[in-house]
Amino acid sequence: MKYNLTAKFDSNTLILDAELDNSYTLFITLLIILSILFTYGLGILPIIGFVFYQKTKATKYLKTLIKNYEYIN
């Protein structure tokens, strides 16, 4: 999934602004609605798992970015 990530470096601060791309948000919303309608709610479990996986992946990436920034300073 694509994220809009902006990193700004001030004197001693790192400012991160990240959000999920809007087209993917709409896609996930439609998948959730369809999974509730057609699978009586059971189809939502893989979607929640996938979104949680993406959140974990993005969190690891941001932590690595912050850790590398600390080594630079």
PDB file of N, CA and C in Angstrom:
ATOM      1  N   MET A   1       0.834  -1.169   0.000  1.00  0.00           N
ATOM      2  CA  MET A   1       0.000   0.000   0.000  1.00  0.00           C
ATOM      3  C   MET A   1       0.881   1.234   0.000  1.00  0.00           C
ATOM      4  N   LYS A   2       0.392   2.276  -0.596  1.00  0.00           N
ATOM      5  CA  LYS A   2       1.160   3.511  -0.695  1.00  0.00           C
ATOM      6  C   LYS A   2       0.799   4.460   0.430  1.00  0.00           C
ATOM      7  N   TYR A   3       1.822   5.086   0.955  1.00  0.00           N
ATOM      8  CA  TYR A   3       1.655   6.088   1.987  1.00  0.00           C
ATOM      9  C   TYR A   3       2.232   7.394   1.485  1.00  0.00           C
ATOM     10  N   ASN A   4       1.609   8.498   1.842  1.00  0.00           N
ATOM     11  CA  ASN A   4       2.171   9.810   1.575  1.00  0.00           C
ATOM     12  C   ASN A   4       2.999  10.178   2.797  1.00  0.00           C
ATOM     13  N   LEU A   5       4.298  10.182   2.635  1.00  0.00           N
ATOM     14  CA  LEU A   5       5.206  10.420   3.752  1.00  0.00           C
ATOM     15  C   LEU A   5       6.029  11.664   3.471  1.00  0.00           C
ATOM     16  N   THR A   6       6.007  12.582   4.421  1.00  0.00           N
ATOM     17  CA  THR A   6       6.801  13.792   4.322  1.00  0.00           C
ATOM     18  C   THR A   6       7.683  13.874   5.551  1.00  0.00           C
ATOM     19  N   ALA A   7       8.971  14.026   5.335  1.00  0.00           N
ATOM     20  CA  ALA A   7       9.915  14.151   6.443  1.00  0.00           C
ATOM     21  C   ALA A   7      10.598  15.505   6.345  1.00  0.00           C
ATOM     22  N   LYS A   8      10.534  16.269   7.424  1.00  0.00           N
ATOM     23  CA  LYS A   8      11.186  17.574   7.470  1.00  0.00           C
ATOM     24  C   LYS A   8      12.223  17.552   8.576  1.00  0.00           C
ATOM     25  N   PHE A   9      13.397  18.027   8.251  1.00  0.00           N
ATOM     26  CA  PHE A   9      14.489  18.066   9.212  1.00  0.00           C
ATOM     27  C   PHE A   9      14.711  19.517   9.637  1.00  0.00           C
ATOM     28  N   ASP A  10      14.422  19.799  10.889  1.00  0.00           N
ATOM     29  CA  ASP A  10      14.752  21.099  11.451  1.00  0.00           C
ATOM     30  C   ASP A  10      16.082  20.957  12.174  1.00  0.00           C
ATOM     31  N   SER A  11      16.453  21.939  12.946  1.00  0.00           N
ATOM     32  CA  SER A  11      17.777  21.943  13.568  1.00  0.00           C
ATOM     33  C   SER A  11      18.089  20.635  14.297  1.00  0.00           C
ATOM     34  N   ASN A  12      17.285  20.252  15.269  1.00  0.00           N
ATOM     35  CA  ASN A  12      17.508  19.000  15.983  1.00  0.00           C
ATOM     36  C   ASN A  12      16.252  18.162  16.045  1.00  0.00           C
ATOM     37  N   THR A  13      15.324  18.431  15.174  1.00  0.00           N
ATOM     38  CA  THR A  13      14.050  17.692  15.208  1.00  0.00           C
ATOM     39  C   THR A  13      13.739  17.094  13.848  1.00  0.00           C
ATOM     40  N   LEU A  14      13.092  15.972  13.918  1.00  0.00           N
ATOM     41  CA  LEU A  14      12.609  15.294  12.728  1.00  0.00           C
ATOM     42  C   LEU A  14      11.085  15.300  12.792  1.00  0.00           C
ATOM     43  N   ILE A  15      10.450  15.916  11.801  1.00  0.00           N
ATOM     44  CA  ILE A  15       8.992  15.995  11.767  1.00  0.00           C
ATOM     45  C   ILE A  15       8.505  15.083  10.646  1.00  0.00           C
ATOM     46  N   LEU A  16       7.692  14.084  11.011  1.00  0.00           N
ATOM     47  CA  LEU A  16       7.155  13.137  10.047  1.00  0.00           C
ATOM     48  C   LEU A  16       5.653  13.339   9.908  1.00  0.00           C
ATOM     49  N   ASP A  17       5.200  13.374   8.669  1.00  0.00           N
ATOM     50  CA  ASP A  17       3.769  13.462   8.393  1.00  0.00           C
ATOM     51  C   ASP A  17       3.447  12.335   7.425  1.00  0.00           C
ATOM     52  N   ALA A  18       2.653  11.371   7.872  1.00  0.00           N
ATOM     53  CA  ALA A  18       2.362  10.202   7.048  1.00  0.00           C
ATOM     54  C   ALA A  18       0.868   9.921   7.059  1.00  0.00           C
ATOM     55  N   GLU A  19       0.349   9.547   5.893  1.00  0.00           N
ATOM     56  CA  GLU A  19      -1.048   9.146   5.796  1.00  0.00           C
ATOM     57  C   GLU A  19      -1.203   8.156   4.654  1.00  0.00           C
ATOM     58  N   LEU A  20      -2.222   7.337   4.763  1.00  0.00           N
ATOM     59  CA  LEU A  20      -2.501   6.340   3.746  1.00  0.00           C
ATOM     60  C   LEU A  20      -3.042   7.034   2.507  1.00  0.00           C
ATOM     61  N   ASP A  21      -2.613   6.589   1.327  1.00  0.00           N
ATOM     62  CA  ASP A  21      -3.086   7.170   0.081  1.00  0.00           C
ATOM     63  C   ASP A  21      -4.606   7.023  -0.013  1.00  0.00           C
ATOM     64  N   ASN A  22      -5.303   8.063  -0.472  1.00  0.00           N
ATOM     65  CA  ASN A  22      -6.766   8.086  -0.471  1.00  0.00           C
ATOM     66  C   ASN A  22      -7.401   6.992  -1.316  1.00  0.00           C
ATOM     67  N   SER A  23      -6.792   6.619  -2.429  1.00  0.00           N
ATOM     68  CA  SER A  23      -7.388   5.578  -3.273  1.00  0.00           C
ATOM     69  C   SER A  23      -7.407   4.231  -2.552  1.00  0.00           C
ATOM     70  N   TYR A  24      -6.378   3.953  -1.764  1.00  0.00           N
ATOM     71  CA  TYR A  24      -6.355   2.697  -1.023  1.00  0.00           C
ATOM     72  C   TYR A  24      -7.337   2.709   0.141  1.00  0.00           C
ATOM     73  N   THR A  25      -7.544   3.873   0.739  1.00  0.00           N
ATOM     74  CA  THR A  25      -8.525   3.978   1.816  1.00  0.00           C
ATOM     75  C   THR A  25      -9.919   3.661   1.288  1.00  0.00           C
ATOM     76  N   LEU A  26     -10.248   4.186   0.126  1.00  0.00           N
ATOM     77  CA  LEU A  26     -11.544   3.907  -0.487  1.00  0.00           C
ATOM     78  C   LEU A  26     -11.670   2.428  -0.836  1.00  0.00           C
ATOM     79  N   PHE A  27     -10.608   1.838  -1.358  1.00  0.00           N
ATOM     80  CA  PHE A  27     -10.610   0.423  -1.714  1.00  0.00           C
ATOM     81  C   PHE A  27     -10.836  -0.459  -0.487  1.00  0.00           C
ATOM     82  N   ILE A  28     -10.143  -0.153   0.606  1.00  0.00           N
ATOM     83  CA  ILE A  28     -10.301  -0.935   1.840  1.00  0.00           C
ATOM     84  C   ILE A  28     -11.718  -0.787   2.383  1.00  0.00           C
ATOM     85  N   THR A  29     -12.263   0.422   2.315  1.00  0.00           N
ATOM     86  CA  THR A  29     -13.632   0.646   2.789  1.00  0.00           C
ATOM     87  C   THR A  29     -14.632  -0.170   1.992  1.00  0.00           C
ATOM     88  N   LEU A  30     -14.480  -0.184   0.679  1.00  0.00           N
ATOM     89  CA  LEU A  30     -15.376  -0.988  -0.158  1.00  0.00           C
ATOM     90  C   LEU A  30     -15.234  -2.477   0.133  1.00  0.00           C
ATOM     91  N   LEU A  31     -14.011  -2.944   0.340  1.00  0.00           N
ATOM     92  CA  LEU A  31     -13.804  -4.351   0.673  1.00  0.00           C
ATOM     93  C   LEU A  31     -14.469  -4.722   1.993  1.00  0.00           C
ATOM     94  N   ILE A  32     -14.373  -3.835   2.963  1.00  0.00           N
ATOM     95  CA  ILE A  32     -15.002  -4.105   4.261  1.00  0.00           C
ATOM     96  C   ILE A  32     -16.516  -4.181   4.118  1.00  0.00           C
ATOM     97  N   ILE A  33     -17.104  -3.256   3.387  1.00  0.00           N
ATOM     98  CA  ILE A  33     -18.566  -3.265   3.194  1.00  0.00           C
ATOM     99  C   ILE A  33     -19.017  -4.516   2.461  1.00  0.00           C
ATOM    100  N   LEU A  34     -18.308  -4.871   1.393  1.00  0.00           N
ATOM    101  CA  LEU A  34     -18.677  -6.076   0.630  1.00  0.00           C
ATOM    102  C   LEU A  34     -18.470  -7.352   1.444  1.00  0.00           C
ATOM    103  N   SER A  35     -17.412  -7.382   2.250  1.00  0.00           N
ATOM    104  CA  SER A  35     -17.176  -8.594   3.037  1.00  0.00           C
ATOM    105  C   SER A  35     -18.239  -8.772   4.110  1.00  0.00           C
ATOM    106  N   ILE A  36     -18.741  -7.689   4.652  1.00  0.00           N
ATOM    107  CA  ILE A  36     -19.816  -7.797   5.633  1.00  0.00           C
ATOM    108  C   ILE A  36     -21.100  -8.277   4.962  1.00  0.00           C
ATOM    109  N   LEU A  37     -21.379  -7.750   3.786  1.00  0.00           N
ATOM    110  CA  LEU A  37     -22.620  -8.111   3.088  1.00  0.00           C
ATOM    111  C   LEU A  37     -22.625  -9.552   2.603  1.00  0.00           C
ATOM    112  N   PHE A  38     -21.508 -10.019   2.048  1.00  0.00           N
ATOM    113  CA  PHE A  38     -21.505 -11.319   1.384  1.00  0.00           C
ATOM    114  C   PHE A  38     -20.993 -12.484   2.228  1.00  0.00           C
ATOM    115  N   THR A  39     -20.297 -12.220   3.309  1.00  0.00           N
ATOM    116  CA  THR A  39     -19.753 -13.334   4.102  1.00  0.00           C
ATOM    117  C   THR A  39     -20.207 -13.286   5.553  1.00  0.00           C
ATOM    118  N   TYR A  40     -21.222 -12.536   5.822  1.00  0.00           N
ATOM    119  CA  TYR A  40     -21.762 -12.420   7.179  1.00  0.00           C
ATOM    120  C   TYR A  40     -20.713 -11.955   8.186  1.00  0.00           C
ATOM    121  N   GLY A  41     -19.785 -11.134   7.750  1.00  0.00           N
ATOM    122  CA  GLY A  41     -18.785 -10.560   8.643  1.00  0.00           C
ATOM    123  C   GLY A  41     -17.490 -11.330   8.759  1.00  0.00           C
ATOM    124  N   LEU A  42     -17.447 -12.585   8.297  1.00  0.00           N
ATOM    125  CA  LEU A  42     -16.210 -13.367   8.428  1.00  0.00           C
ATOM    126  C   LEU A  42     -15.127 -12.911   7.456  1.00  0.00           C
ATOM    127  N   GLY A  43     -15.537 -12.327   6.337  1.00  0.00           N
ATOM    128  CA  GLY A  43     -14.562 -11.865   5.349  1.00  0.00           C
ATOM    129  C   GLY A  43     -13.781 -10.648   5.794  1.00  0.00           C
ATOM    130  N   ILE A  44     -14.236 -10.025   6.860  1.00  0.00           N
ATOM    131  CA  ILE A  44     -13.538  -8.835   7.341  1.00  0.00           C
ATOM    132  C   ILE A  44     -12.242  -9.201   8.070  1.00  0.00           C
ATOM    133  N   LEU A  45     -12.131 -10.412   8.569  1.00  0.00           N
ATOM    134  CA  LEU A  45     -10.937 -10.823   9.315  1.00  0.00           C
ATOM    135  C   LEU A  45      -9.653 -10.749   8.482  1.00  0.00           C
ATOM    136  N   PRO A  46      -9.637 -11.273   7.240  1.00  0.00           N
ATOM    137  CA  PRO A  46      -8.399 -11.125   6.451  1.00  0.00           C
ATOM    138  C   PRO A  46      -8.068  -9.667   6.128  1.00  0.00           C
ATOM    139  N   ILE A  47      -9.091  -8.845   5.958  1.00  0.00           N
ATOM    140  CA  ILE A  47      -8.850  -7.436   5.660  1.00  0.00           C
ATOM    141  C   ILE A  47      -8.227  -6.740   6.864  1.00  0.00           C
ATOM    142  N   ILE A  48      -8.746  -7.020   8.044  1.00  0.00           N
ATOM    143  CA  ILE A  48      -8.176  -6.433   9.261  1.00  0.00           C
ATOM    144  C   ILE A  48      -6.740  -6.914   9.448  1.00  0.00           C
ATOM    145  N   GLY A  49      -6.495  -8.184   9.176  1.00  0.00           N
ATOM    146  CA  GLY A  49      -5.132  -8.711   9.267  1.00  0.00           C
ATOM    147  C   GLY A  49      -4.188  -8.034   8.296  1.00  0.00           C
ATOM    148  N   PHE A  50      -4.638  -7.796   7.065  1.00  0.00           N
ATOM    149  CA  PHE A  50      -3.809  -7.145   6.058  1.00  0.00           C
ATOM    150  C   PHE A  50      -3.505  -5.699   6.442  1.00  0.00           C
ATOM    151  N   VAL A  51      -4.506  -4.989   6.931  1.00  0.00           N
ATOM    152  CA  VAL A  51      -4.299  -3.601   7.344  1.00  0.00           C
ATOM    153  C   VAL A  51      -3.350  -3.540   8.536  1.00  0.00           C
ATOM    154  N   PHE A  52      -3.491  -4.462   9.485  1.00  0.00           N
ATOM    155  CA  PHE A  52      -2.585  -4.498  10.628  1.00  0.00           C
ATOM    156  C   PHE A  52      -1.154  -4.794  10.168  1.00  0.00           C
ATOM    157  N   TYR A  53      -1.003  -5.698   9.205  1.00  0.00           N
ATOM    158  CA  TYR A  53       0.323  -6.007   8.656  1.00  0.00           C
ATOM    159  C   TYR A  53       0.938  -4.760   8.016  1.00  0.00           C
ATOM    160  N   GLN A  54       0.140  -4.014   7.257  1.00  0.00           N
ATOM    161  CA  GLN A  54       0.643  -2.798   6.626  1.00  0.00           C
ATOM    162  C   GLN A  54       1.043  -1.754   7.668  1.00  0.00           C
ATOM    163  N   LYS A  55       0.263  -1.652   8.742  1.00  0.00           N
ATOM    164  CA  LYS A  55       0.589  -0.703   9.818  1.00  0.00           C
ATOM    165  C   LYS A  55       1.904  -1.096  10.471  1.00  0.00           C
ATOM    166  N   THR A  56       2.093  -2.387  10.723  1.00  0.00           N
ATOM    167  CA  THR A  56       3.326  -2.873  11.331  1.00  0.00           C
ATOM    168  C   THR A  56       4.518  -2.604  10.423  1.00  0.00           C
ATOM    169  N   LYS A  57       4.338  -2.839   9.143  1.00  0.00           N
ATOM    170  CA  LYS A  57       5.408  -2.609   8.172  1.00  0.00           C
ATOM    171  C   LYS A  57       5.785  -1.129   8.110  1.00  0.00           C
ATOM    172  N   ALA A  58       4.790  -0.259   8.103  1.00  0.00           N
ATOM    173  CA  ALA A  58       5.060   1.179   8.066  1.00  0.00           C
ATOM    174  C   ALA A  58       5.724   1.643   9.352  1.00  0.00           C
ATOM    175  N   THR A  59       5.317   1.081  10.483  1.00  0.00           N
ATOM    176  CA  THR A  59       5.911   1.456  11.761  1.00  0.00           C
ATOM    177  C   THR A  59       7.390   1.072  11.802  1.00  0.00           C
ATOM    178  N   LYS A  60       7.720  -0.113  11.316  1.00  0.00           N
ATOM    179  CA  LYS A  60       9.126  -0.537  11.282  1.00  0.00           C
ATOM    180  C   LYS A  60       9.944   0.382  10.389  1.00  0.00           C
ATOM    181  N   TYR A  61       9.375   0.770   9.248  1.00  0.00           N
ATOM    182  CA  TYR A  61      10.076   1.665   8.326  1.00  0.00           C
ATOM    183  C   TYR A  61      10.334   3.015   8.986  1.00  0.00           C
ATOM    184  N   LEU A  62       9.328   3.563   9.674  1.00  0.00           N
ATOM    185  CA  LEU A  62       9.495   4.861  10.327  1.00  0.00           C
ATOM    186  C   LEU A  62      10.491   4.786  11.475  1.00  0.00           C
ATOM    187  N   LYS A  63      10.490   3.694  12.234  1.00  0.00           N
ATOM    188  CA  LYS A  63      11.457   3.542  13.323  1.00  0.00           C
ATOM    189  C   LYS A  63      12.876   3.458  12.773  1.00  0.00           C
ATOM    190  N   THR A  64      13.056   2.772  11.648  1.00  0.00           N
ATOM    191  CA  THR A  64      14.368   2.691  11.018  1.00  0.00           C
ATOM    192  C   THR A  64      14.808   4.062  10.529  1.00  0.00           C
ATOM    193  N   LEU A  65      13.870   4.817   9.956  1.00  0.00           N
ATOM    194  CA  LEU A  65      14.178   6.163   9.491  1.00  0.00           C
ATOM    195  C   LEU A  65      14.614   7.056  10.646  1.00  0.00           C
ATOM    196  N   ILE A  66      13.923   6.968  11.767  1.00  0.00           N
ATOM    197  CA  ILE A  66      14.273   7.778  12.937  1.00  0.00           C
ATOM    198  C   ILE A  66      15.617   7.337  13.516  1.00  0.00           C
ATOM    199  N   LYS A  67      15.845   6.033  13.559  1.00  0.00           N
ATOM    200  CA  LYS A  67      17.116   5.515  14.085  1.00  0.00           C
ATOM    201  C   LYS A  67      18.286   5.981  13.217  1.00  0.00           C
ATOM    202  N   ASN A  68      18.123   5.940  11.894  1.00  0.00           N
ATOM    203  CA  ASN A  68      19.178   6.417  10.985  1.00  0.00           C
ATOM    204  C   ASN A  68      19.389   7.915  11.144  1.00  0.00           C
ATOM    205  N   TYR A  69      18.316   8.650  11.405  1.00  0.00           N
ATOM    206  CA  TYR A  69      18.448  10.089  11.616  1.00  0.00           C
ATOM    207  C   TYR A  69      19.252  10.372  12.881  1.00  0.00           C
ATOM    208  N   GLU A  70      19.066   9.558  13.910  1.00  0.00           N
ATOM    209  CA  GLU A  70      19.823   9.750  15.159  1.00  0.00           C
ATOM    210  C   GLU A  70      21.309   9.495  14.939  1.00  0.00           C
ATOM    211  N   TYR A  71      21.656   8.548  14.060  1.00  0.00           N
ATOM    212  CA  TYR A  71      23.069   8.278  13.784  1.00  0.00           C
ATOM    213  C   TYR A  71      23.709   9.439  13.018  1.00  0.00           C
ATOM    214  N   ILE A  72      22.924  10.115  12.186  1.00  0.00           N
ATOM    215  CA  ILE A  72      23.467  11.226  11.415  1.00  0.00           C
ATOM    216  C   ILE A  72      23.820  12.386  12.333  1.00  0.00           C
ATOM    217  N   ASN A  73      22.966  12.635  13.314  1.00  0.00           N
ATOM    218  CA  ASN A  73      23.217  13.773  14.231  1.00  0.00           C
ATOM    219  C   ASN A  73      24.189  13.396  15.262  1.00  0.00           C
TER     220      ASN A  73
END
